[in-house]
N, C-alpha and C. Protein backbone atom coordinates (compact mmCIF):
# COMPACT_ATOMS: atom_id res chain seq x y z
N UNK A 1 18.63 0.44 63.43
CA UNK A 1 19.83 1.27 63.61
C UNK A 1 19.89 2.34 62.53
N UNK A 2 20.46 3.50 62.87
CA UNK A 2 20.48 4.66 61.97
C UNK A 2 21.78 4.79 61.18
N UNK A 3 22.70 3.86 61.36
CA UNK A 3 24.00 3.95 60.69
C UNK A 3 23.85 3.93 59.17
N UNK A 4 24.70 4.69 58.46
CA UNK A 4 24.66 4.66 57.00
C UNK A 4 25.26 3.39 56.40
N UNK A 5 25.85 2.55 57.23
CA UNK A 5 26.47 1.32 56.74
C UNK A 5 25.42 0.31 56.28
N UNK A 6 25.77 -0.44 55.24
CA UNK A 6 25.07 -1.68 54.91
C UNK A 6 25.76 -2.79 55.69
N UNK A 7 24.98 -3.62 56.36
CA UNK A 7 25.61 -4.68 57.16
C UNK A 7 24.66 -5.86 57.33
N UNK A 8 25.23 -7.00 57.67
CA UNK A 8 24.48 -8.20 58.01
C UNK A 8 24.49 -8.34 59.52
N UNK A 9 23.34 -8.65 60.10
CA UNK A 9 23.26 -8.88 61.54
C UNK A 9 22.72 -10.29 61.78
N UNK A 10 23.50 -11.09 62.48
CA UNK A 10 23.07 -12.42 62.90
C UNK A 10 22.90 -12.40 64.42
N UNK A 11 21.68 -12.63 64.89
CA UNK A 11 21.38 -12.57 66.31
C UNK A 11 21.65 -13.92 66.98
N UNK A 12 21.87 -13.93 68.30
CA UNK A 12 22.04 -15.20 69.02
C UNK A 12 20.79 -16.06 68.94
N UNK A 13 20.94 -17.34 69.17
CA UNK A 13 19.81 -18.26 69.10
C UNK A 13 18.80 -18.00 70.21
N UNK A 14 19.28 -17.52 71.34
CA UNK A 14 18.42 -17.24 72.49
C UNK A 14 18.55 -15.78 72.87
N UNK A 15 17.44 -15.10 73.06
CA UNK A 15 17.45 -13.69 73.46
C UNK A 15 17.78 -13.56 74.94
N UNK A 16 18.62 -12.61 75.26
CA UNK A 16 18.99 -12.36 76.65
C UNK A 16 19.65 -10.99 76.73
N UNK A 17 19.82 -10.50 77.94
CA UNK A 17 20.49 -9.22 78.13
C UNK A 17 22.01 -9.43 78.15
N UNK A 18 22.74 -8.36 77.81
CA UNK A 18 24.20 -8.33 77.91
C UNK A 18 24.88 -9.51 77.22
N UNK A 19 24.61 -9.67 75.94
CA UNK A 19 25.26 -10.73 75.18
C UNK A 19 26.48 -10.20 74.42
N UNK A 20 27.43 -11.08 74.11
CA UNK A 20 28.64 -10.67 73.39
C UNK A 20 28.33 -10.31 71.95
N UNK A 21 29.30 -9.67 71.29
CA UNK A 21 29.14 -9.32 69.87
C UNK A 21 30.48 -9.33 69.17
N UNK A 22 30.43 -9.71 67.89
CA UNK A 22 31.59 -9.67 67.02
C UNK A 22 31.25 -8.79 65.82
N UNK A 23 32.13 -7.85 65.52
CA UNK A 23 31.97 -6.97 64.36
C UNK A 23 33.02 -7.35 63.32
N UNK A 24 32.59 -7.55 62.08
CA UNK A 24 33.48 -8.01 61.01
C UNK A 24 33.72 -6.91 59.98
N UNK A 25 34.98 -6.76 59.57
CA UNK A 25 35.38 -5.74 58.60
C UNK A 25 36.22 -6.40 57.50
N UNK A 26 35.68 -6.46 56.29
CA UNK A 26 36.31 -7.19 55.19
C UNK A 26 37.50 -6.43 54.58
N UNK A 27 38.13 -7.07 53.62
CA UNK A 27 39.29 -6.49 52.94
C UNK A 27 38.91 -5.77 51.66
N UNK A 28 39.91 -5.18 51.02
CA UNK A 28 39.73 -4.40 49.80
C UNK A 28 39.11 -5.24 48.68
N UNK A 29 38.02 -4.72 48.09
CA UNK A 29 37.40 -5.39 46.96
C UNK A 29 36.46 -6.52 47.32
N UNK A 30 36.20 -6.69 48.62
CA UNK A 30 35.31 -7.76 49.06
C UNK A 30 33.98 -7.17 49.52
N UNK A 31 33.24 -7.92 50.35
CA UNK A 31 31.94 -7.43 50.80
C UNK A 31 31.58 -8.01 52.17
N UNK A 32 30.38 -7.70 52.62
CA UNK A 32 29.97 -8.06 53.98
C UNK A 32 29.76 -9.56 54.18
N UNK A 33 29.77 -10.33 53.10
CA UNK A 33 29.61 -11.79 53.21
C UNK A 33 30.94 -12.49 53.53
N UNK A 34 32.04 -11.83 53.25
CA UNK A 34 33.34 -12.49 53.17
C UNK A 34 33.84 -13.12 54.46
N UNK A 35 33.78 -12.40 55.56
CA UNK A 35 34.41 -12.89 56.79
C UNK A 35 33.48 -13.72 57.68
N UNK A 36 32.23 -13.87 57.29
CA UNK A 36 31.29 -14.65 58.11
C UNK A 36 31.78 -16.07 58.34
N UNK A 37 32.48 -16.62 57.33
CA UNK A 37 32.99 -17.98 57.45
C UNK A 37 34.01 -18.13 58.58
N UNK A 38 34.71 -17.04 58.90
CA UNK A 38 35.74 -17.11 59.94
C UNK A 38 35.16 -17.28 61.34
N UNK A 39 33.94 -16.79 61.53
CA UNK A 39 33.35 -16.83 62.87
C UNK A 39 32.11 -17.71 62.92
N UNK A 40 32.02 -18.65 62.00
CA UNK A 40 30.85 -19.54 61.95
C UNK A 40 30.67 -20.30 63.25
N UNK A 41 31.75 -20.62 63.93
CA UNK A 41 31.67 -21.34 65.20
C UNK A 41 30.91 -20.57 66.27
N UNK A 42 30.81 -19.25 66.09
CA UNK A 42 30.17 -18.42 67.11
C UNK A 42 28.72 -18.06 66.77
N UNK A 43 28.27 -18.49 65.59
CA UNK A 43 26.89 -18.20 65.22
C UNK A 43 25.92 -18.83 66.23
N UNK A 44 24.96 -18.06 66.66
CA UNK A 44 24.00 -18.52 67.65
C UNK A 44 24.42 -18.27 69.08
N UNK A 45 25.71 -17.98 69.28
CA UNK A 45 26.24 -17.75 70.63
C UNK A 45 26.39 -16.27 70.95
N UNK A 46 26.35 -15.42 69.92
CA UNK A 46 26.54 -13.99 70.15
C UNK A 46 25.97 -13.22 68.96
N UNK A 47 25.90 -11.92 69.08
CA UNK A 47 25.53 -11.08 67.94
C UNK A 47 26.72 -10.98 67.00
N UNK A 48 26.45 -11.06 65.71
CA UNK A 48 27.49 -10.88 64.70
C UNK A 48 27.03 -9.79 63.74
N UNK A 49 27.86 -8.77 63.58
CA UNK A 49 27.58 -7.68 62.66
C UNK A 49 28.69 -7.65 61.61
N UNK A 50 28.33 -7.87 60.36
CA UNK A 50 29.34 -7.86 59.29
C UNK A 50 29.09 -6.66 58.40
N UNK A 51 30.03 -5.72 58.40
CA UNK A 51 29.87 -4.44 57.71
C UNK A 51 30.37 -4.50 56.27
N UNK A 52 29.70 -3.79 55.41
CA UNK A 52 30.17 -3.61 54.04
C UNK A 52 30.83 -2.25 53.92
N UNK A 53 32.02 -2.20 53.35
CA UNK A 53 32.71 -0.93 53.16
C UNK A 53 31.83 0.04 52.37
N UNK A 54 31.92 1.34 52.65
CA UNK A 54 31.03 2.32 52.01
C UNK A 54 31.46 2.77 50.62
N UNK A 55 32.63 2.31 50.16
CA UNK A 55 33.18 2.79 48.88
C UNK A 55 33.21 1.64 47.88
N UNK A 56 32.65 1.84 46.70
CA UNK A 56 32.67 0.80 45.68
C UNK A 56 34.08 0.61 45.16
N UNK A 57 34.52 -0.64 45.16
CA UNK A 57 35.84 -0.98 44.62
C UNK A 57 35.70 -2.37 44.02
N UNK A 58 35.47 -2.43 42.73
CA UNK A 58 35.18 -3.71 42.07
C UNK A 58 36.26 -4.75 42.31
N UNK A 59 35.80 -6.02 42.55
CA UNK A 59 34.43 -6.51 42.41
C UNK A 59 33.56 -6.31 43.67
N UNK A 60 34.05 -5.58 44.64
CA UNK A 60 33.30 -5.39 45.87
C UNK A 60 33.37 -3.97 46.38
N UNK A 61 33.86 -3.84 47.62
CA UNK A 61 33.84 -2.54 48.29
C UNK A 61 35.13 -2.32 49.08
N UNK A 62 35.31 -1.08 49.51
CA UNK A 62 36.48 -0.70 50.32
C UNK A 62 36.02 0.16 51.49
N UNK A 63 36.86 0.22 52.52
CA UNK A 63 36.56 1.08 53.66
C UNK A 63 37.21 2.45 53.53
N UNK A 64 38.26 2.53 52.71
CA UNK A 64 38.92 3.82 52.51
C UNK A 64 39.66 3.82 51.18
N UNK A 65 40.00 5.00 50.71
CA UNK A 65 40.78 5.15 49.49
C UNK A 65 42.25 5.35 49.84
N UNK A 66 43.12 5.22 48.85
CA UNK A 66 44.55 5.41 49.07
C UNK A 66 45.23 5.67 47.74
N UNK A 67 46.30 6.43 47.77
CA UNK A 67 47.09 6.67 46.58
C UNK A 67 48.25 5.69 46.49
N UNK A 68 48.71 5.26 47.64
CA UNK A 68 49.80 4.29 47.73
C UNK A 68 49.48 3.35 48.88
N UNK A 69 49.73 2.04 48.69
CA UNK A 69 49.44 1.07 49.73
C UNK A 69 50.18 1.42 51.01
N UNK A 70 49.43 1.44 52.10
CA UNK A 70 50.03 1.80 53.39
C UNK A 70 49.76 3.24 53.78
N UNK A 71 49.16 4.01 52.87
CA UNK A 71 48.91 5.42 53.15
C UNK A 71 47.46 5.78 52.79
N UNK A 72 46.53 5.50 53.71
CA UNK A 72 45.12 5.83 53.45
C UNK A 72 44.92 7.33 53.25
N UNK A 73 43.89 7.68 52.46
CA UNK A 73 43.52 9.08 52.31
C UNK A 73 42.97 9.56 53.65
N UNK A 74 43.64 10.52 54.26
CA UNK A 74 43.34 10.91 55.64
C UNK A 74 41.88 11.33 55.83
N UNK A 75 41.38 12.18 54.95
CA UNK A 75 40.03 12.71 55.12
C UNK A 75 38.99 11.59 55.10
N UNK A 76 39.15 10.66 54.16
CA UNK A 76 38.21 9.54 54.05
C UNK A 76 38.35 8.62 55.25
N UNK A 77 39.58 8.32 55.63
CA UNK A 77 39.83 7.40 56.73
C UNK A 77 39.26 7.93 58.04
N UNK A 78 39.46 9.21 58.30
CA UNK A 78 38.93 9.82 59.53
C UNK A 78 37.42 9.61 59.64
N UNK A 79 36.71 9.84 58.54
CA UNK A 79 35.25 9.71 58.55
C UNK A 79 34.82 8.26 58.77
N UNK A 80 35.53 7.32 58.14
CA UNK A 80 35.19 5.91 58.29
C UNK A 80 35.36 5.46 59.74
N UNK A 81 36.41 5.92 60.38
CA UNK A 81 36.62 5.57 61.79
C UNK A 81 35.50 6.15 62.64
N UNK A 82 35.11 7.38 62.38
CA UNK A 82 34.01 8.00 63.13
C UNK A 82 32.71 7.24 62.93
N UNK A 83 32.38 6.90 61.68
CA UNK A 83 31.13 6.19 61.39
C UNK A 83 31.12 4.79 61.99
N UNK A 84 32.26 4.10 61.91
CA UNK A 84 32.33 2.73 62.43
C UNK A 84 32.23 2.72 63.94
N UNK A 85 32.92 3.65 64.58
CA UNK A 85 32.85 3.77 66.03
C UNK A 85 31.40 4.05 66.46
N UNK A 86 30.74 4.93 65.73
CA UNK A 86 29.35 5.28 66.05
C UNK A 86 28.44 4.07 65.90
N UNK A 87 28.66 3.26 64.85
CA UNK A 87 27.84 2.06 64.65
C UNK A 87 28.00 1.10 65.82
N UNK A 88 29.23 0.89 66.27
CA UNK A 88 29.46 -0.04 67.38
C UNK A 88 28.76 0.45 68.65
N UNK A 89 28.88 1.72 68.96
CA UNK A 89 28.22 2.24 70.15
C UNK A 89 26.69 2.19 70.01
N UNK A 90 26.19 2.43 68.78
CA UNK A 90 24.74 2.35 68.56
C UNK A 90 24.25 0.92 68.76
N UNK A 91 25.03 -0.06 68.26
CA UNK A 91 24.66 -1.47 68.43
C UNK A 91 24.68 -1.86 69.90
N UNK A 92 25.67 -1.37 70.63
CA UNK A 92 25.76 -1.67 72.06
C UNK A 92 24.50 -1.19 72.78
N UNK A 93 24.06 0.01 72.43
CA UNK A 93 22.88 0.58 73.06
C UNK A 93 21.60 -0.12 72.62
N UNK A 94 21.43 -0.31 71.32
CA UNK A 94 20.18 -0.85 70.80
C UNK A 94 19.96 -2.32 71.18
N UNK A 95 21.04 -3.12 71.19
CA UNK A 95 20.92 -4.54 71.46
C UNK A 95 21.38 -4.92 72.87
N UNK A 96 21.66 -3.91 73.70
CA UNK A 96 22.07 -4.13 75.08
C UNK A 96 23.22 -5.14 75.16
N UNK A 97 24.28 -4.86 74.38
CA UNK A 97 25.42 -5.77 74.29
C UNK A 97 26.27 -5.74 75.55
N UNK A 98 27.01 -6.82 75.76
CA UNK A 98 27.93 -6.92 76.88
C UNK A 98 29.19 -6.11 76.57
N UNK A 99 29.36 -5.00 77.25
CA UNK A 99 30.51 -4.11 77.00
C UNK A 99 31.85 -4.77 77.29
N UNK A 100 31.84 -5.87 78.02
CA UNK A 100 33.09 -6.55 78.34
C UNK A 100 33.40 -7.67 77.35
N UNK A 101 32.53 -7.84 76.34
CA UNK A 101 32.75 -8.90 75.36
C UNK A 101 32.45 -8.40 73.95
N UNK A 102 33.05 -7.26 73.59
CA UNK A 102 32.93 -6.72 72.24
C UNK A 102 34.20 -7.05 71.46
N UNK A 103 34.04 -7.72 70.34
CA UNK A 103 35.18 -8.11 69.50
C UNK A 103 35.05 -7.50 68.11
N UNK A 104 36.19 -7.08 67.56
CA UNK A 104 36.24 -6.57 66.19
C UNK A 104 37.27 -7.40 65.43
N UNK A 105 36.84 -7.94 64.29
CA UNK A 105 37.70 -8.80 63.46
C UNK A 105 37.82 -8.16 62.08
N UNK A 106 39.05 -7.96 61.62
CA UNK A 106 39.24 -7.37 60.31
C UNK A 106 40.37 -8.02 59.53
N UNK A 107 40.23 -8.02 58.20
CA UNK A 107 41.27 -8.52 57.31
C UNK A 107 41.64 -7.43 56.31
N UNK A 108 42.96 -7.27 56.04
CA UNK A 108 43.43 -6.31 55.03
C UNK A 108 42.98 -4.91 55.46
N UNK A 109 42.21 -4.19 54.63
CA UNK A 109 41.73 -2.87 55.04
C UNK A 109 40.94 -2.96 56.35
N UNK A 110 40.16 -4.03 56.49
CA UNK A 110 39.38 -4.20 57.71
C UNK A 110 40.25 -4.31 58.94
N UNK A 111 41.44 -4.91 58.79
CA UNK A 111 42.37 -5.03 59.91
C UNK A 111 42.95 -3.67 60.27
N UNK A 112 43.16 -2.81 59.26
CA UNK A 112 43.65 -1.45 59.51
C UNK A 112 42.62 -0.66 60.31
N UNK A 113 41.36 -0.77 59.89
CA UNK A 113 40.28 -0.09 60.61
C UNK A 113 40.12 -0.68 62.02
N UNK A 114 40.19 -2.01 62.13
CA UNK A 114 40.03 -2.66 63.43
C UNK A 114 41.09 -2.21 64.43
N UNK A 115 42.34 -2.15 63.99
CA UNK A 115 43.42 -1.73 64.88
C UNK A 115 43.27 -0.27 65.28
N UNK A 116 42.81 0.55 64.36
CA UNK A 116 42.59 1.96 64.68
C UNK A 116 41.46 2.11 65.69
N UNK A 117 40.40 1.32 65.55
CA UNK A 117 39.31 1.35 66.52
C UNK A 117 39.79 0.92 67.89
N UNK A 118 40.67 -0.07 67.94
CA UNK A 118 41.22 -0.52 69.22
C UNK A 118 41.94 0.62 69.92
N UNK A 119 42.59 1.44 69.14
CA UNK A 119 43.35 2.57 69.69
C UNK A 119 42.43 3.68 70.18
N UNK A 120 41.44 4.06 69.36
CA UNK A 120 40.60 5.22 69.71
C UNK A 120 39.47 4.86 70.67
N UNK A 121 39.10 3.58 70.74
CA UNK A 121 38.03 3.16 71.64
C UNK A 121 38.57 2.52 72.91
N UNK A 122 39.86 2.20 72.93
CA UNK A 122 40.49 1.66 74.12
C UNK A 122 39.79 0.43 74.65
N UNK A 123 39.59 0.40 75.96
CA UNK A 123 39.02 -0.77 76.62
C UNK A 123 37.54 -0.97 76.34
N UNK A 124 36.91 -0.06 75.56
CA UNK A 124 35.53 -0.28 75.14
C UNK A 124 35.44 -1.49 74.20
N UNK A 125 36.56 -1.82 73.56
CA UNK A 125 36.65 -3.04 72.75
C UNK A 125 37.49 -4.04 73.52
N UNK A 126 36.89 -5.16 73.87
CA UNK A 126 37.60 -6.17 74.64
C UNK A 126 38.68 -6.85 73.80
N UNK A 127 38.31 -7.22 72.56
CA UNK A 127 39.27 -7.94 71.74
C UNK A 127 39.27 -7.51 70.29
N UNK A 128 40.46 -7.44 69.71
CA UNK A 128 40.63 -7.07 68.31
C UNK A 128 41.42 -8.17 67.61
N UNK A 129 40.91 -8.60 66.47
CA UNK A 129 41.62 -9.57 65.63
C UNK A 129 42.00 -8.87 64.34
N UNK A 130 43.29 -8.68 64.12
CA UNK A 130 43.79 -7.97 62.93
C UNK A 130 44.56 -8.96 62.06
N UNK A 131 43.95 -9.32 60.94
CA UNK A 131 44.53 -10.30 60.04
C UNK A 131 45.17 -9.58 58.86
N UNK A 132 46.49 -9.61 58.81
CA UNK A 132 47.24 -9.01 57.70
C UNK A 132 46.93 -7.52 57.54
N UNK A 133 47.20 -6.75 58.56
CA UNK A 133 46.95 -5.32 58.51
C UNK A 133 48.14 -4.50 58.98
N UNK A 134 47.88 -3.26 59.37
CA UNK A 134 48.93 -2.38 59.87
C UNK A 134 48.28 -1.17 60.54
N UNK A 135 49.08 -0.38 61.22
CA UNK A 135 48.63 0.90 61.79
C UNK A 135 49.20 2.02 60.92
N UNK A 136 48.35 2.86 60.32
CA UNK A 136 48.87 4.00 59.54
C UNK A 136 49.69 4.93 60.43
N UNK A 137 50.72 5.51 59.87
CA UNK A 137 51.60 6.37 60.65
C UNK A 137 50.85 7.54 61.29
N UNK A 138 49.93 8.17 60.55
CA UNK A 138 49.23 9.32 61.12
C UNK A 138 48.32 8.91 62.27
N UNK A 139 47.85 7.66 62.24
CA UNK A 139 47.04 7.16 63.35
C UNK A 139 47.91 7.01 64.59
N UNK A 140 49.05 6.36 64.44
CA UNK A 140 49.95 6.12 65.56
C UNK A 140 50.45 7.42 66.19
N UNK A 141 50.68 8.43 65.36
CA UNK A 141 51.28 9.68 65.83
C UNK A 141 50.25 10.71 66.28
N UNK A 142 49.13 10.82 65.54
CA UNK A 142 48.22 11.94 65.73
C UNK A 142 46.88 11.62 66.38
N UNK A 143 46.42 10.39 66.29
CA UNK A 143 45.11 10.07 66.84
C UNK A 143 45.12 10.07 68.37
N UNK A 144 44.00 10.44 68.95
CA UNK A 144 43.85 10.39 70.39
C UNK A 144 43.73 8.93 70.85
N UNK A 145 44.55 8.56 71.78
CA UNK A 145 44.61 7.16 72.23
C UNK A 145 43.98 7.01 73.61
N UNK A 146 43.13 6.02 73.77
CA UNK A 146 42.54 5.72 75.06
C UNK A 146 43.28 4.55 75.70
N UNK A 147 43.22 4.42 77.03
CA UNK A 147 43.91 3.31 77.71
C UNK A 147 43.47 1.96 77.17
N UNK A 148 44.43 1.07 76.97
CA UNK A 148 44.14 -0.26 76.44
C UNK A 148 44.57 -1.36 77.40
N UNK A 149 44.61 -1.04 78.69
CA UNK A 149 45.06 -2.02 79.66
C UNK A 149 44.11 -3.21 79.81
N UNK A 150 42.85 -3.06 79.33
CA UNK A 150 41.90 -4.17 79.38
C UNK A 150 41.64 -4.75 77.99
N UNK A 151 42.45 -4.33 77.02
CA UNK A 151 42.25 -4.76 75.63
C UNK A 151 43.13 -5.95 75.28
N UNK A 152 42.56 -6.85 74.49
CA UNK A 152 43.31 -7.98 73.95
C UNK A 152 43.42 -7.81 72.44
N UNK A 153 44.62 -7.97 71.91
CA UNK A 153 44.86 -7.78 70.48
C UNK A 153 45.50 -9.04 69.90
N UNK A 154 44.86 -9.60 68.88
CA UNK A 154 45.43 -10.74 68.15
C UNK A 154 45.84 -10.23 66.77
N UNK A 155 47.12 -10.27 66.49
CA UNK A 155 47.64 -9.80 65.20
C UNK A 155 48.32 -10.97 64.50
N UNK A 156 47.91 -11.23 63.26
CA UNK A 156 48.55 -12.31 62.50
C UNK A 156 48.99 -11.78 61.15
N UNK A 157 50.04 -12.41 60.63
CA UNK A 157 50.59 -11.94 59.35
C UNK A 157 51.35 -13.08 58.67
N UNK A 158 51.23 -13.14 57.36
CA UNK A 158 51.97 -14.12 56.59
C UNK A 158 53.42 -13.67 56.38
N UNK A 159 54.35 -14.58 56.56
CA UNK A 159 55.77 -14.24 56.41
C UNK A 159 56.11 -13.88 54.96
N UNK A 160 55.27 -14.35 54.02
CA UNK A 160 55.52 -14.08 52.60
C UNK A 160 54.41 -13.20 52.01
N UNK A 161 53.93 -12.29 52.83
CA UNK A 161 52.87 -11.37 52.40
C UNK A 161 53.50 -10.26 51.56
N UNK A 162 53.17 -10.24 50.26
CA UNK A 162 53.72 -9.22 49.37
C UNK A 162 52.75 -8.07 49.13
N UNK A 163 51.55 -8.14 49.72
CA UNK A 163 50.59 -7.04 49.66
C UNK A 163 50.84 -6.06 50.80
N UNK A 164 50.86 -6.57 52.01
CA UNK A 164 51.20 -5.80 53.21
C UNK A 164 52.44 -6.47 53.81
N UNK A 165 53.62 -5.88 53.70
CA UNK A 165 54.85 -6.52 54.17
C UNK A 165 54.77 -7.02 55.61
N UNK A 166 55.45 -8.11 55.86
CA UNK A 166 55.44 -8.75 57.18
C UNK A 166 55.87 -7.77 58.28
N UNK A 167 56.79 -6.88 57.97
CA UNK A 167 57.28 -5.93 58.97
C UNK A 167 56.17 -5.00 59.46
N UNK A 168 55.13 -4.81 58.64
CA UNK A 168 54.01 -3.98 59.07
C UNK A 168 53.26 -4.65 60.23
N UNK A 169 53.11 -5.95 60.13
CA UNK A 169 52.47 -6.70 61.21
C UNK A 169 53.31 -6.67 62.48
N UNK A 170 54.62 -6.84 62.32
CA UNK A 170 55.51 -6.77 63.47
C UNK A 170 55.45 -5.39 64.13
N UNK A 171 55.38 -4.35 63.29
CA UNK A 171 55.30 -2.99 63.81
C UNK A 171 54.03 -2.75 64.59
N UNK A 172 52.91 -3.28 64.12
CA UNK A 172 51.64 -3.15 64.83
C UNK A 172 51.70 -3.83 66.19
N UNK A 173 52.27 -5.03 66.21
CA UNK A 173 52.37 -5.77 67.47
C UNK A 173 53.20 -4.99 68.49
N UNK A 174 54.31 -4.44 68.04
CA UNK A 174 55.17 -3.66 68.94
C UNK A 174 54.45 -2.41 69.43
N UNK A 175 53.71 -1.76 68.53
CA UNK A 175 52.98 -0.55 68.90
C UNK A 175 51.96 -0.82 70.00
N UNK A 176 51.19 -1.88 69.85
CA UNK A 176 50.16 -2.18 70.85
C UNK A 176 50.75 -2.67 72.17
N UNK A 177 51.86 -3.38 72.10
CA UNK A 177 52.54 -3.77 73.34
C UNK A 177 52.99 -2.54 74.11
N UNK A 178 53.57 -1.58 73.39
CA UNK A 178 54.02 -0.34 74.01
C UNK A 178 52.85 0.47 74.56
N UNK A 179 51.65 0.25 73.98
CA UNK A 179 50.46 0.99 74.41
C UNK A 179 49.76 0.33 75.59
N UNK A 180 50.27 -0.81 76.04
CA UNK A 180 49.73 -1.45 77.23
C UNK A 180 48.70 -2.54 76.99
N UNK A 181 48.46 -2.90 75.73
CA UNK A 181 47.48 -3.94 75.42
C UNK A 181 48.10 -5.33 75.62
N UNK A 182 47.23 -6.32 75.81
CA UNK A 182 47.64 -7.72 75.88
C UNK A 182 47.70 -8.23 74.44
N UNK A 183 48.91 -8.39 73.91
CA UNK A 183 49.09 -8.67 72.48
C UNK A 183 49.50 -10.12 72.22
N UNK A 184 48.82 -10.74 71.28
CA UNK A 184 49.22 -12.05 70.75
C UNK A 184 49.60 -11.83 69.29
N UNK A 185 50.85 -12.13 68.93
CA UNK A 185 51.30 -11.98 67.55
C UNK A 185 51.64 -13.35 66.99
N UNK A 186 51.03 -13.67 65.85
CA UNK A 186 51.25 -14.96 65.20
C UNK A 186 51.74 -14.75 63.78
N UNK A 187 52.80 -15.46 63.41
CA UNK A 187 53.33 -15.43 62.05
C UNK A 187 53.13 -16.81 61.43
N UNK A 188 52.80 -16.81 60.14
CA UNK A 188 52.56 -18.07 59.44
C UNK A 188 53.36 -18.10 58.13
N UNK A 189 53.84 -19.28 57.73
CA UNK A 189 54.61 -19.39 56.49
C UNK A 189 53.67 -19.35 55.29
N UNK A 190 53.07 -18.19 55.07
CA UNK A 190 52.04 -18.04 54.05
C UNK A 190 52.09 -16.63 53.49
N UNK A 191 51.19 -16.33 52.54
CA UNK A 191 51.13 -15.02 51.93
C UNK A 191 50.06 -14.16 52.58
N UNK A 192 49.31 -13.42 51.75
CA UNK A 192 48.29 -12.49 52.23
C UNK A 192 46.95 -13.22 52.29
N UNK A 193 46.67 -13.81 53.44
CA UNK A 193 45.44 -14.58 53.57
C UNK A 193 45.32 -15.19 54.95
N UNK A 194 44.34 -16.05 55.12
CA UNK A 194 44.10 -16.71 56.40
C UNK A 194 44.11 -18.22 56.16
N UNK A 195 45.16 -18.89 56.62
CA UNK A 195 45.24 -20.33 56.43
C UNK A 195 44.53 -21.06 57.59
N UNK A 196 44.52 -22.36 57.53
CA UNK A 196 43.77 -23.17 58.51
C UNK A 196 44.29 -22.97 59.93
N UNK A 197 45.61 -22.93 60.08
CA UNK A 197 46.20 -22.73 61.41
C UNK A 197 45.83 -21.35 61.96
N UNK A 198 45.88 -20.35 61.10
CA UNK A 198 45.51 -18.99 61.48
C UNK A 198 44.05 -18.96 61.97
N UNK A 199 43.17 -19.64 61.24
CA UNK A 199 41.76 -19.68 61.61
C UNK A 199 41.56 -20.32 62.98
N UNK A 200 42.24 -21.43 63.22
CA UNK A 200 42.13 -22.09 64.51
C UNK A 200 42.59 -21.18 65.64
N UNK A 201 43.67 -20.45 65.40
CA UNK A 201 44.22 -19.56 66.43
C UNK A 201 43.28 -18.40 66.73
N UNK A 202 42.66 -17.83 65.69
CA UNK A 202 41.77 -16.69 65.95
C UNK A 202 40.49 -17.15 66.65
N UNK A 203 40.00 -18.34 66.32
CA UNK A 203 38.81 -18.87 67.00
C UNK A 203 39.12 -19.11 68.48
N UNK A 204 40.29 -19.69 68.74
CA UNK A 204 40.68 -19.94 70.13
C UNK A 204 40.83 -18.63 70.90
N UNK A 205 41.33 -17.61 70.24
CA UNK A 205 41.50 -16.30 70.87
C UNK A 205 40.15 -15.73 71.31
N UNK A 206 39.17 -15.76 70.42
CA UNK A 206 37.85 -15.22 70.76
C UNK A 206 37.14 -16.13 71.76
N UNK A 207 37.31 -17.43 71.61
CA UNK A 207 36.61 -18.40 72.45
C UNK A 207 37.02 -18.30 73.92
N UNK A 208 38.12 -17.67 74.22
CA UNK A 208 38.50 -17.50 75.63
C UNK A 208 37.54 -16.56 76.35
N UNK A 209 36.82 -15.74 75.59
CA UNK A 209 35.80 -14.85 76.16
C UNK A 209 34.38 -15.26 75.76
N UNK A 210 34.23 -15.89 74.61
CA UNK A 210 32.92 -16.31 74.12
C UNK A 210 33.00 -17.82 73.89
N UNK A 211 32.84 -18.62 74.94
CA UNK A 211 33.05 -20.07 74.82
C UNK A 211 32.09 -20.72 73.84
N UNK A 212 32.66 -21.56 72.96
CA UNK A 212 31.88 -22.35 72.02
C UNK A 212 32.58 -23.67 71.84
N UNK A 213 31.89 -24.60 71.21
CA UNK A 213 32.49 -25.89 70.86
C UNK A 213 33.24 -25.69 69.56
N UNK A 214 34.58 -25.67 69.61
CA UNK A 214 35.38 -25.41 68.41
C UNK A 214 35.93 -26.66 67.76
N UNK A 215 35.45 -27.82 68.19
CA UNK A 215 35.93 -29.07 67.59
C UNK A 215 35.31 -29.31 66.22
């Protein structure tokens, strides 16, 4: 692949045409290893691409810069969305992926990027998992939106999240419902993270399209 991204690719155990894929987008200060644990149940059953943010942010990396939390730097963010969208389409072409089973999973900054991709790519993404994220105002107001009538969105947020306020998650859920997507919104009595119940729910969400043994 020609993408400028650094990423990990885990292929299915058996080669075949039109296989599903999951794309992972980590949070601020993390790296491409971080979210693999969330989708371990799907290893061997589909392609998994885990991207590393292009911007160094110790101790890891970031997908975009910001001056204030909740307000990404527009110029940087626009480019990241373009590059990430291009990588997904390149992977679909190169690995002959199943266009009806493309999933994007993101946490923190990765969830912001994932939700934006759901908006600009529409039904080209079957399912989006946004863990503790939000939709930037300029994205909701100014970005070109494609139909999402075939899109599934799983949004989760901790009720005691002091990094990204809980109302941001509620706002994202309302936005996607108004946009015509099939939205699942889950709230947990937790902070900024993914607890065991949250993990079970996101696995079940993806498993409805990519069946695996989740016991």
